[in-house]
ModelCIF file with pLDDT and N, C-alpha, C, O atoms, coordinates in Angstrom:
data_MODEL
#
_entry.id   MODEL 
#
_entity.id                         1 
_entity.type                       polymer 
_entity.pdbx_number_of_molecules   1 
#
_entity_poly.entity_id                      1 
_entity_poly.type                           'polypeptide(L)' 
_entity_poly.nstd_linkage                   no 
_entity_poly.nstd_monomer                   no 
_entity_poly.pdbx_seq_one_letter_code       
;(UNK)(UNK)(UNK)(UNK)(UNK)(UNK)(UNK)(UNK)(UNK)(UNK)(UNK)(UNK)(UNK)(UNK)(UNK)(UNK)
(UNK)(UNK)(UNK)(UNK)(UNK)(UNK)(UNK)(UNK)(UNK)(UNK)(UNK)(UNK)(UNK)(UNK)(UNK)(UNK)
(UNK)(UNK)(UNK)(UNK)(UNK)(UNK)(UNK)(UNK)(UNK)(UNK)(UNK)(UNK)(UNK)
;
_entity_poly.pdbx_seq_one_letter_code_can   XXXXXXXXXXXXXXXXXXXXXXXXXXXXXXXXXXXXXXXXXXXXX 
_entity_poly.pdbx_strand_id                 A 
#
loop_
_entity_poly_seq.entity_id 
_entity_poly_seq.num 
_entity_poly_seq.mon_id 
_entity_poly_seq.hetero 
1 1  UNK n 
1 2  UNK n 
1 3  UNK n 
1 4  UNK n 
1 5  UNK n 
1 6  UNK n 
1 7  UNK n 
1 8  UNK n 
1 9  UNK n 
1 10 UNK n 
1 11 UNK n 
1 12 UNK n 
1 13 UNK n 
1 14 UNK n 
1 15 UNK n 
1 16 UNK n 
1 17 UNK n 
1 18 UNK n 
1 19 UNK n 
1 20 UNK n 
1 21 UNK n 
1 22 UNK n 
1 23 UNK n 
1 24 UNK n 
1 25 UNK n 
1 26 UNK n 
1 27 UNK n 
1 28 UNK n 
1 29 UNK n 
1 30 UNK n 
1 31 UNK n 
1 32 UNK n 
1 33 UNK n 
1 34 UNK n 
1 35 UNK n 
1 36 UNK n 
1 37 UNK n 
1 38 UNK n 
1 39 UNK n 
1 40 UNK n 
1 41 UNK n 
1 42 UNK n 
1 43 UNK n 
1 44 UNK n 
1 45 UNK n 
#
_struct_asym.id          A 
_struct_asym.entity_id   1 
#
loop_
_ma_qa_metric.id 
_ma_qa_metric.mode 
_ma_qa_metric.name 
_ma_qa_metric.software_group_id 
_ma_qa_metric.type 
1 global pLDDT . pLDDT 
2 local  pLDDT . pLDDT 
#
_ma_qa_metric_global.metric_id      1 
_ma_qa_metric_global.metric_value   93.64 
_ma_qa_metric_global.model_id       1 
_ma_qa_metric_global.ordinal_id     1 
#
loop_
_ma_qa_metric_local.label_asym_id 
_ma_qa_metric_local.label_comp_id 
_ma_qa_metric_local.label_seq_id 
_ma_qa_metric_local.metric_id 
_ma_qa_metric_local.metric_value 
_ma_qa_metric_local.model_id 
_ma_qa_metric_local.ordinal_id 
A UNK 1  2 86.00 1 1  
A UNK 2  2 78.00 1 2  
A UNK 3  2 71.00 1 3  
A UNK 4  2 79.00 1 4  
A UNK 5  2 80.00 1 5  
A UNK 6  2 81.00 1 6  
A UNK 7  2 86.00 1 7  
A UNK 8  2 90.00 1 8  
A UNK 9  2 95.00 1 9  
A UNK 10 2 96.00 1 10 
A UNK 11 2 97.00 1 11 
A UNK 12 2 98.00 1 12 
A UNK 13 2 98.00 1 13 
A UNK 14 2 98.00 1 14 
A UNK 15 2 98.00 1 15 
A UNK 16 2 97.00 1 16 
A UNK 17 2 92.00 1 17 
A UNK 18 2 94.00 1 18 
A UNK 19 2 96.00 1 19 
A UNK 20 2 96.00 1 20 
A UNK 21 2 96.00 1 21 
A UNK 22 2 96.00 1 22 
A UNK 23 2 96.00 1 23 
A UNK 24 2 98.00 1 24 
A UNK 25 2 98.00 1 25 
A UNK 26 2 97.00 1 26 
A UNK 27 2 97.00 1 27 
A UNK 28 2 96.00 1 28 
A UNK 29 2 93.00 1 29 
A UNK 30 2 93.00 1 30 
A UNK 31 2 93.00 1 31 
A UNK 32 2 94.00 1 32 
A UNK 33 2 95.00 1 33 
A UNK 34 2 96.00 1 34 
A UNK 35 2 96.00 1 35 
A UNK 36 2 97.00 1 36 
A UNK 37 2 96.00 1 37 
A UNK 38 2 97.00 1 38 
A UNK 39 2 97.00 1 39 
A UNK 40 2 98.00 1 40 
A UNK 41 2 98.00 1 41 
A UNK 42 2 97.00 1 42 
A UNK 43 2 98.00 1 43 
A UNK 44 2 98.00 1 44 
A UNK 45 2 98.00 1 45 
#
loop_
_atom_site.group_PDB 
_atom_site.id 
_atom_site.type_symbol 
_atom_site.label_atom_id 
_atom_site.label_alt_id 
_atom_site.label_comp_id 
_atom_site.label_asym_id 
_atom_site.label_entity_id 
_atom_site.label_seq_id 
_atom_site.pdbx_PDB_ins_code 
_atom_site.Cartn_x 
_atom_site.Cartn_y 
_atom_site.Cartn_z 
_atom_site.occupancy 
_atom_site.B_iso_or_equiv 
_atom_site.pdbx_formal_charge 
_atom_site.auth_seq_id 
_atom_site.auth_comp_id 
_atom_site.auth_asym_id 
_atom_site.auth_atom_id 
_atom_site.pdbx_PDB_model_num 
ATOM 1   N N  . UNK A 1 1  ? 1.215  11.631 -17.131 1.00 86.00 ? 1  UNK A N  1 
ATOM 2   C CA . UNK A 1 1  ? 0.250  11.750 -18.224 1.00 86.00 ? 1  UNK A CA 1 
ATOM 3   C C  . UNK A 1 1  ? 0.523  10.725 -19.317 1.00 86.00 ? 1  UNK A C  1 
ATOM 4   O O  . UNK A 1 1  ? -0.353 10.405 -20.119 1.00 86.00 ? 1  UNK A O  1 
ATOM 5   N N  . UNK A 1 2  ? 1.746  10.219 -19.336 1.00 78.00 ? 2  UNK A N  1 
ATOM 6   C CA . UNK A 1 2  ? 2.078  9.166  -20.287 1.00 78.00 ? 2  UNK A CA 1 
ATOM 7   C C  . UNK A 1 2  ? 2.824  8.072  -19.548 1.00 78.00 ? 2  UNK A C  1 
ATOM 8   O O  . UNK A 1 2  ? 3.485  8.337  -18.543 1.00 78.00 ? 2  UNK A O  1 
ATOM 9   N N  . UNK A 1 3  ? 2.726  6.885  -20.022 1.00 71.00 ? 3  UNK A N  1 
ATOM 10  C CA . UNK A 1 3  ? 3.368  5.723  -19.423 1.00 71.00 ? 3  UNK A CA 1 
ATOM 11  C C  . UNK A 1 3  ? 2.970  5.603  -17.956 1.00 71.00 ? 3  UNK A C  1 
ATOM 12  O O  . UNK A 1 3  ? 1.841  5.940  -17.598 1.00 71.00 ? 3  UNK A O  1 
ATOM 13  N N  . UNK A 1 4  ? 3.860  5.137  -17.115 1.00 79.00 ? 4  UNK A N  1 
ATOM 14  C CA . UNK A 1 4  ? 3.531  4.918  -15.711 1.00 79.00 ? 4  UNK A CA 1 
ATOM 15  C C  . UNK A 1 4  ? 4.731  5.258  -14.853 1.00 79.00 ? 4  UNK A C  1 
ATOM 16  O O  . UNK A 1 4  ? 5.804  5.601  -15.348 1.00 79.00 ? 4  UNK A O  1 
ATOM 17  N N  . UNK A 1 5  ? 4.517  5.152  -13.544 1.00 80.00 ? 5  UNK A N  1 
ATOM 18  C CA . UNK A 1 5  ? 5.586  5.357  -12.587 1.00 80.00 ? 5  UNK A CA 1 
ATOM 19  C C  . UNK A 1 5  ? 6.387  4.083  -12.344 1.00 80.00 ? 5  UNK A C  1 
ATOM 20  O O  . UNK A 1 5  ? 7.299  4.079  -11.518 1.00 80.00 ? 5  UNK A O  1 
ATOM 21  N N  . UNK A 1 6  ? 6.064  3.011  -13.043 1.00 81.00 ? 6  UNK A N  1 
ATOM 22  C CA . UNK A 1 6  ? 6.642  1.714  -12.723 1.00 81.00 ? 6  UNK A CA 1 
ATOM 23  C C  . UNK A 1 6  ? 8.170  1.783  -12.616 1.00 81.00 ? 6  UNK A C  1 
ATOM 24  O O  . UNK A 1 6  ? 8.860  2.182  -13.555 1.00 81.00 ? 6  UNK A O  1 
ATOM 25  N N  . UNK A 1 7  ? 8.673  1.383  -11.448 1.00 86.00 ? 7  UNK A N  1 
ATOM 26  C CA . UNK A 1 7  ? 10.104 1.302  -11.223 1.00 86.00 ? 7  UNK A CA 1 
ATOM 27  C C  . UNK A 1 7  ? 10.773 2.601  -10.832 1.00 86.00 ? 7  UNK A C  1 
ATOM 28  O O  . UNK A 1 7  ? 11.947 2.594  -10.462 1.00 86.00 ? 7  UNK A O  1 
ATOM 29  N N  . UNK A 1 8  ? 10.069 3.709  -10.901 1.00 90.00 ? 8  UNK A N  1 
ATOM 30  C CA . UNK A 1 8  ? 10.703 5.007  -10.625 1.00 90.00 ? 8  UNK A CA 1 
ATOM 31  C C  . UNK A 1 8  ? 10.560 5.420  -9.161  1.00 90.00 ? 8  UNK A C  1 
ATOM 32  O O  . UNK A 1 8  ? 9.498  5.265  -8.558  1.00 90.00 ? 8  UNK A O  1 
ATOM 33  N N  . UNK A 1 9  ? 11.638 5.943  -8.608  1.00 95.00 ? 9  UNK A N  1 
ATOM 34  C CA . UNK A 1 9  ? 11.510 6.721  -7.383  1.00 95.00 ? 9  UNK A CA 1 
ATOM 35  C C  . UNK A 1 9  ? 10.886 8.058  -7.763  1.00 95.00 ? 9  UNK A C  1 
ATOM 36  O O  . UNK A 1 9  ? 11.131 8.574  -8.853  1.00 95.00 ? 9  UNK A O  1 
ATOM 37  N N  . UNK A 1 10 ? 10.089 8.611  -6.874  1.00 96.00 ? 10 UNK A N  1 
ATOM 38  C CA . UNK A 1 10 ? 9.403  9.868  -7.161  1.00 96.00 ? 10 UNK A CA 1 
ATOM 39  C C  . UNK A 1 10 ? 9.546  10.806 -5.970  1.00 96.00 ? 10 UNK A C  1 
ATOM 40  O O  . UNK A 1 10 ? 9.877  10.393 -4.859  1.00 96.00 ? 10 UNK A O  1 
ATOM 41  N N  . UNK A 1 11 ? 9.288  12.065 -6.234  1.00 97.00 ? 11 UNK A N  1 
ATOM 42  C CA . UNK A 1 11 ? 9.456  13.009 -5.141  1.00 97.00 ? 11 UNK A CA 1 
ATOM 43  C C  . UNK A 1 11 ? 8.864  14.365 -5.444  1.00 97.00 ? 11 UNK A C  1 
ATOM 44  O O  . UNK A 1 11 ? 8.278  14.590 -6.503  1.00 97.00 ? 11 UNK A O  1 
ATOM 45  N N  . UNK A 1 12 ? 9.033  15.267 -4.485  1.00 98.00 ? 12 UNK A N  1 
ATOM 46  C CA . UNK A 1 12 ? 8.519  16.625 -4.580  1.00 98.00 ? 12 UNK A CA 1 
ATOM 47  C C  . UNK A 1 12 ? 9.643  17.635 -4.329  1.00 98.00 ? 12 UNK A C  1 
ATOM 48  O O  . UNK A 1 12 ? 10.503 17.443 -3.470  1.00 98.00 ? 12 UNK A O  1 
ATOM 49  N N  . UNK A 1 13 ? 9.602  18.695 -5.095  1.00 98.00 ? 13 UNK A N  1 
ATOM 50  C CA . UNK A 1 13 ? 10.474 19.850 -4.914  1.00 98.00 ? 13 UNK A CA 1 
ATOM 51  C C  . UNK A 1 13 ? 9.587  21.083 -4.855  1.00 98.00 ? 13 UNK A C  1 
ATOM 52  O O  . UNK A 1 13 ? 8.403  21.025 -5.188  1.00 98.00 ? 13 UNK A O  1 
ATOM 53  N N  . UNK A 1 14 ? 10.163 22.189 -4.432  1.00 98.00 ? 14 UNK A N  1 
ATOM 54  C CA . UNK A 1 14 ? 9.406  23.442 -4.432  1.00 98.00 ? 14 UNK A CA 1 
ATOM 55  C C  . UNK A 1 14 ? 10.331 24.608 -4.714  1.00 98.00 ? 14 UNK A C  1 
ATOM 56  O O  . UNK A 1 14 ? 11.536 24.561 -4.467  1.00 98.00 ? 14 UNK A O  1 
ATOM 57  N N  . UNK A 1 15 ? 9.712  25.664 -5.248  1.00 98.00 ? 15 UNK A N  1 
ATOM 58  C CA . UNK A 1 15 ? 10.451 26.901 -5.490  1.00 98.00 ? 15 UNK A CA 1 
ATOM 59  C C  . UNK A 1 15 ? 9.629  28.048 -4.941  1.00 98.00 ? 15 UNK A C  1 
ATOM 60  O O  . UNK A 1 15 ? 8.538  28.343 -5.429  1.00 98.00 ? 15 UNK A O  1 
ATOM 61  N N  . UNK A 1 16 ? 10.166 28.684 -3.926  1.00 97.00 ? 16 UNK A N  1 
ATOM 62  C CA . UNK A 1 16 ? 9.516  29.848 -3.335  1.00 97.00 ? 16 UNK A CA 1 
ATOM 63  C C  . UNK A 1 16 ? 9.905  31.106 -4.104  1.00 97.00 ? 16 UNK A C  1 
ATOM 64  O O  . UNK A 1 16 ? 10.944 31.123 -4.764  1.00 97.00 ? 16 UNK A O  1 
ATOM 65  N N  . UNK A 1 17 ? 9.098  32.150 -4.032  1.00 92.00 ? 17 UNK A N  1 
ATOM 66  C CA . UNK A 1 17 ? 9.421  33.385 -4.746  1.00 92.00 ? 17 UNK A CA 1 
ATOM 67  C C  . UNK A 1 17 ? 10.800 33.896 -4.387  1.00 92.00 ? 17 UNK A C  1 
ATOM 68  O O  . UNK A 1 17 ? 11.118 34.067 -3.210  1.00 92.00 ? 17 UNK A O  1 
ATOM 69  N N  . UNK A 1 18 ? 11.615 34.139 -5.389  1.00 94.00 ? 18 UNK A N  1 
ATOM 70  C CA . UNK A 1 18 ? 12.940 34.700 -5.174  1.00 94.00 ? 18 UNK A CA 1 
ATOM 71  C C  . UNK A 1 18 ? 13.971 33.721 -4.655  1.00 94.00 ? 18 UNK A C  1 
ATOM 72  O O  . UNK A 1 18 ? 15.088 34.118 -4.323  1.00 94.00 ? 18 UNK A O  1 
ATOM 73  N N  . UNK A 1 19 ? 13.618 32.457 -4.580  1.00 96.00 ? 19 UNK A N  1 
ATOM 74  C CA . UNK A 1 19 ? 14.552 31.454 -4.050  1.00 96.00 ? 19 UNK A CA 1 
ATOM 75  C C  . UNK A 1 19 ? 14.802 30.348 -5.068  1.00 96.00 ? 19 UNK A C  1 
ATOM 76  O O  . UNK A 1 19 ? 14.076 30.200 -6.052  1.00 96.00 ? 19 UNK A O  1 
ATOM 77  N N  . UNK A 1 20 ? 15.837 29.589 -4.803  1.00 96.00 ? 20 UNK A N  1 
ATOM 78  C CA . UNK A 1 20 ? 16.141 28.467 -5.675  1.00 96.00 ? 20 UNK A CA 1 
ATOM 79  C C  . UNK A 1 20 ? 15.218 27.281 -5.352  1.00 96.00 ? 20 UNK A C  1 
ATOM 80  O O  . UNK A 1 20 ? 14.646 27.188 -4.266  1.00 96.00 ? 20 UNK A O  1 
ATOM 81  N N  . UNK A 1 21 ? 15.099 26.392 -6.323  1.00 96.00 ? 21 UNK A N  1 
ATOM 82  C CA . UNK A 1 21 ? 14.321 25.189 -6.103  1.00 96.00 ? 21 UNK A CA 1 
ATOM 83  C C  . UNK A 1 21 ? 14.960 24.348 -5.000  1.00 96.00 ? 21 UNK A C  1 
ATOM 84  O O  . UNK A 1 21 ? 16.183 24.225 -4.932  1.00 96.00 ? 21 UNK A O  1 
ATOM 85  N N  . UNK A 1 22 ? 14.129 23.775 -4.143  1.00 96.00 ? 22 UNK A N  1 
ATOM 86  C CA . UNK A 1 22 ? 14.665 22.946 -3.076  1.00 96.00 ? 22 UNK A CA 1 
ATOM 87  C C  . UNK A 1 22 ? 13.927 21.612 -2.998  1.00 96.00 ? 22 UNK A C  1 
ATOM 88  O O  . UNK A 1 22 ? 12.753 21.504 -3.352  1.00 96.00 ? 22 UNK A O  1 
ATOM 89  N N  . UNK A 1 23 ? 14.642 20.618 -2.530  1.00 96.00 ? 23 UNK A N  1 
ATOM 90  C CA . UNK A 1 23 ? 14.092 19.289 -2.325  1.00 96.00 ? 23 UNK A CA 1 
ATOM 91  C C  . UNK A 1 23 ? 13.127 19.318 -1.147  1.00 96.00 ? 23 UNK A C  1 
ATOM 92  O O  . UNK A 1 23 ? 13.385 19.972 -0.137  1.00 96.00 ? 23 UNK A O  1 
ATOM 93  N N  . UNK A 1 24 ? 12.001 18.596 -1.289  1.00 98.00 ? 24 UNK A N  1 
ATOM 94  C CA . UNK A 1 24 ? 11.030 18.506 -0.205  1.00 98.00 ? 24 UNK A CA 1 
ATOM 95  C C  . UNK A 1 24 ? 10.955 17.087 0.352   1.00 98.00 ? 24 UNK A C  1 
ATOM 96  O O  . UNK A 1 24 ? 11.141 16.873 1.550   1.00 98.00 ? 24 UNK A O  1 
ATOM 97  N N  . UNK A 1 25 ? 10.683 16.118 -0.525  1.00 98.00 ? 25 UNK A N  1 
ATOM 98  C CA . UNK A 1 25 ? 10.528 14.738 -0.066  1.00 98.00 ? 25 UNK A CA 1 
ATOM 99  C C  . UNK A 1 25 ? 10.649 13.794 -1.254  1.00 98.00 ? 25 UNK A C  1 
ATOM 100 O O  . UNK A 1 25 ? 10.439 14.185 -2.402  1.00 98.00 ? 25 UNK A O  1 
ATOM 101 N N  . UNK A 1 26 ? 10.996 12.534 -0.953  1.00 97.00 ? 26 UNK A N  1 
ATOM 102 C CA . UNK A 1 26 ? 11.088 11.520 -1.994  1.00 97.00 ? 26 UNK A CA 1 
ATOM 103 C C  . UNK A 1 26 ? 10.672 10.174 -1.423  1.00 97.00 ? 26 UNK A C  1 
ATOM 104 O O  . UNK A 1 26 ? 10.704 9.946  -0.213  1.00 97.00 ? 26 UNK A O  1 
ATOM 105 N N  . UNK A 1 27 ? 10.277 9.287  -2.339  1.00 97.00 ? 27 UNK A N  1 
ATOM 106 C CA . UNK A 1 27 ? 9.843  7.949  -1.946  1.00 97.00 ? 27 UNK A CA 1 
ATOM 107 C C  . UNK A 1 27 ? 10.289 6.956  -3.013  1.00 97.00 ? 27 UNK A C  1 
ATOM 108 O O  . UNK A 1 27 ? 10.230 7.246  -4.208  1.00 97.00 ? 27 UNK A O  1 
ATOM 109 N N  . UNK A 1 28 ? 10.729 5.795  -2.575  1.00 96.00 ? 28 UNK A N  1 
ATOM 110 C CA . UNK A 1 28 ? 11.162 4.767  -3.512  1.00 96.00 ? 28 UNK A CA 1 
ATOM 111 C C  . UNK A 1 28 ? 9.958  4.121  -4.188  1.00 96.00 ? 28 UNK A C  1 
ATOM 112 O O  . UNK A 1 28 ? 8.818  4.317  -3.766  1.00 96.00 ? 28 UNK A O  1 
ATOM 113 N N  . UNK A 1 29 ? 10.220 3.360  -5.228  1.00 93.00 ? 29 UNK A N  1 
ATOM 114 C CA . UNK A 1 29 ? 9.136  2.686  -5.942  1.00 93.00 ? 29 UNK A CA 1 
ATOM 115 C C  . UNK A 1 29 ? 8.344  1.781  -5.000  1.00 93.00 ? 29 UNK A C  1 
ATOM 116 O O  . UNK A 1 29 ? 7.117  1.725  -5.079  1.00 93.00 ? 29 UNK A O  1 
ATOM 117 N N  . UNK A 1 30 ? 9.038  1.075  -4.114  1.00 93.00 ? 30 UNK A N  1 
ATOM 118 C CA . UNK A 1 30 ? 8.367  0.163  -3.195  1.00 93.00 ? 30 UNK A CA 1 
ATOM 119 C C  . UNK A 1 30 ? 7.639  0.900  -2.078  1.00 93.00 ? 30 UNK A C  1 
ATOM 120 O O  . UNK A 1 30 ? 6.724  0.361  -1.454  1.00 93.00 ? 30 UNK A O  1 
ATOM 121 N N  . UNK A 1 31 ? 8.052  2.125  -1.838  1.00 93.00 ? 31 UNK A N  1 
ATOM 122 C CA . UNK A 1 31 ? 7.470  2.881  -0.735  1.00 93.00 ? 31 UNK A CA 1 
ATOM 123 C C  . UNK A 1 31 ? 8.185  2.681  0.583   1.00 93.00 ? 31 UNK A C  1 
ATOM 124 O O  . UNK A 1 31 ? 7.850  3.340  1.567   1.00 93.00 ? 31 UNK A O  1 
ATOM 125 N N  . UNK A 1 32 ? 9.173  1.778  0.633   1.00 94.00 ? 32 UNK A N  1 
ATOM 126 C CA . UNK A 1 32 ? 9.840  1.484  1.894   1.00 94.00 ? 32 UNK A CA 1 
ATOM 127 C C  . UNK A 1 32 ? 10.868 2.552  2.276   1.00 94.00 ? 32 UNK A C  1 
ATOM 128 O O  . UNK A 1 32 ? 11.176 2.713  3.457   1.00 94.00 ? 32 UNK A O  1 
ATOM 129 N N  . UNK A 1 33 ? 11.393 3.272  1.307   1.00 95.00 ? 33 UNK A N  1 
ATOM 130 C CA . UNK A 1 33 ? 12.398 4.292  1.597   1.00 95.00 ? 33 UNK A CA 1 
ATOM 131 C C  . UNK A 1 33 ? 11.793 5.662  1.332   1.00 95.00 ? 33 UNK A C  1 
ATOM 132 O O  . UNK A 1 33 ? 11.212 5.903  0.274   1.00 95.00 ? 33 UNK A O  1 
ATOM 133 N N  . UNK A 1 34 ? 11.936 6.545  2.295   1.00 96.00 ? 34 UNK A N  1 
ATOM 134 C CA . UNK A 1 34 ? 11.515 7.928  2.136   1.00 96.00 ? 34 UNK A CA 1 
ATOM 135 C C  . UNK A 1 34 ? 12.580 8.852  2.711   1.00 96.00 ? 34 UNK A C  1 
ATOM 136 O O  . UNK A 1 34 ? 13.428 8.443  3.505   1.00 96.00 ? 34 UNK A O  1 
ATOM 137 N N  . UNK A 1 35 ? 12.511 10.094 2.290   1.00 96.00 ? 35 UNK A N  1 
ATOM 138 C CA . UNK A 1 35 ? 13.408 11.099 2.847   1.00 96.00 ? 35 UNK A CA 1 
ATOM 139 C C  . UNK A 1 35 ? 12.703 12.440 2.783   1.00 96.00 ? 35 UNK A C  1 
ATOM 140 O O  . UNK A 1 35 ? 11.963 12.720 1.840   1.00 96.00 ? 35 UNK A O  1 
ATOM 141 N N  . UNK A 1 36 ? 12.938 13.265 3.790   1.00 97.00 ? 36 UNK A N  1 
ATOM 142 C CA . UNK A 1 36 ? 12.314 14.581 3.873   1.00 97.00 ? 36 UNK A CA 1 
ATOM 143 C C  . UNK A 1 36 ? 13.363 15.639 4.142   1.00 97.00 ? 36 UNK A C  1 
ATOM 144 O O  . UNK A 1 36 ? 14.397 15.368 4.752   1.00 97.00 ? 36 UNK A O  1 
ATOM 145 N N  . UNK A 1 37 ? 13.085 16.845 3.681   1.00 96.00 ? 37 UNK A N  1 
ATOM 146 C CA . UNK A 1 37 ? 13.941 17.949 4.073   1.00 96.00 ? 37 UNK A CA 1 
ATOM 147 C C  . UNK A 1 37 ? 13.638 18.277 5.533   1.00 96.00 ? 37 UNK A C  1 
ATOM 148 O O  . UNK A 1 37 ? 12.549 17.994 6.034   1.00 96.00 ? 37 UNK A O  1 
ATOM 149 N N  . UNK A 1 38 ? 14.595 18.864 6.189   1.00 97.00 ? 38 UNK A N  1 
ATOM 150 C CA . UNK A 1 38 ? 14.413 19.198 7.598   1.00 97.00 ? 38 UNK A CA 1 
ATOM 151 C C  . UNK A 1 38 ? 13.257 20.178 7.801   1.00 97.00 ? 38 UNK A C  1 
ATOM 152 O O  . UNK A 1 38 ? 12.592 20.159 8.837   1.00 97.00 ? 38 UNK A O  1 
ATOM 153 N N  . UNK A 1 39 ? 13.029 21.017 6.821   1.00 97.00 ? 39 UNK A N  1 
ATOM 154 C CA . UNK A 1 39 ? 12.009 22.048 6.966   1.00 97.00 ? 39 UNK A CA 1 
ATOM 155 C C  . UNK A 1 39 ? 10.578 21.496 6.961   1.00 97.00 ? 39 UNK A C  1 
ATOM 156 O O  . UNK A 1 39 ? 9.655  22.173 7.415   1.00 97.00 ? 39 UNK A O  1 
ATOM 157 N N  . UNK A 1 40 ? 10.388 20.287 6.457   1.00 98.00 ? 40 UNK A N  1 
ATOM 158 C CA . UNK A 1 40 ? 9.029  19.729 6.400   1.00 98.00 ? 40 UNK A CA 1 
ATOM 159 C C  . UNK A 1 40 ? 8.880  18.461 7.222   1.00 98.00 ? 40 UNK A C  1 
ATOM 160 O O  . UNK A 1 40 ? 7.770  17.954 7.385   1.00 98.00 ? 40 UNK A O  1 
ATOM 161 N N  . UNK A 1 41 ? 9.974  17.950 7.736   1.00 98.00 ? 41 UNK A N  1 
ATOM 162 C CA . UNK A 1 41 ? 9.932  16.693 8.488   1.00 98.00 ? 41 UNK A CA 1 
ATOM 163 C C  . UNK A 1 41 ? 8.987  16.815 9.668   1.00 98.00 ? 41 UNK A C  1 
ATOM 164 O O  . UNK A 1 41 ? 9.051  17.776 10.434  1.00 98.00 ? 41 UNK A O  1 
ATOM 165 N N  . UNK A 1 42 ? 8.109  15.833 9.808   1.00 97.00 ? 42 UNK A N  1 
ATOM 166 C CA . UNK A 1 42 ? 7.132  15.853 10.888  1.00 97.00 ? 42 UNK A CA 1 
ATOM 167 C C  . UNK A 1 42 ? 5.820  16.518 10.520  1.00 97.00 ? 42 UNK A C  1 
ATOM 168 O O  . UNK A 1 42 ? 4.826  16.365 11.230  1.00 97.00 ? 42 UNK A O  1 
ATOM 169 N N  . UNK A 1 43 ? 5.805  17.251 9.421   1.00 98.00 ? 43 UNK A N  1 
ATOM 170 C CA . UNK A 1 43 ? 4.574  17.931 8.983   1.00 98.00 ? 43 UNK A CA 1 
ATOM 171 C C  . UNK A 1 43 ? 4.054  17.377 7.667   1.00 98.00 ? 43 UNK A C  1 
ATOM 172 O O  . UNK A 1 43 ? 2.843  17.314 7.454   1.00 98.00 ? 43 UNK A O  1 
ATOM 173 N N  . UNK A 1 44 ? 4.957  16.975 6.786   1.00 98.00 ? 44 UNK A N  1 
ATOM 174 C CA . UNK A 1 44 ? 4.587  16.463 5.471   1.00 98.00 ? 44 UNK A CA 1 
ATOM 175 C C  . UNK A 1 44 ? 4.791  14.948 5.439   1.00 98.00 ? 44 UNK A C  1 
ATOM 176 O O  . UNK A 1 44 ? 5.711  14.422 6.066   1.00 98.00 ? 44 UNK A O  1 
ATOM 177 N N  . UNK A 1 45 ? 3.920  14.255 4.700   1.00 98.00 ? 45 UNK A N  1 
ATOM 178 C CA . UNK A 1 45 ? 4.049  12.817 4.521   1.00 98.00 ? 45 UNK A CA 1 
ATOM 179 C C  . UNK A 1 45 ? 3.902  12.480 3.044   1.00 98.00 ? 45 UNK A C  1 
ATOM 180 O O  . UNK A 1 45 ? 3.978  11.311 2.667   1.00 98.00 ? 45 UNK A O  1 
#
């Protein structure tokens, strides 16, 4: 909502009811590097 994503790696996390927050996926600024949690690999992009 302010400034830009310039230079930042970005990603997604989630928190299910009654559980701790967990990592889902991340992507580098260039887009060349990504990583996924095992639970979403192959289903999420």
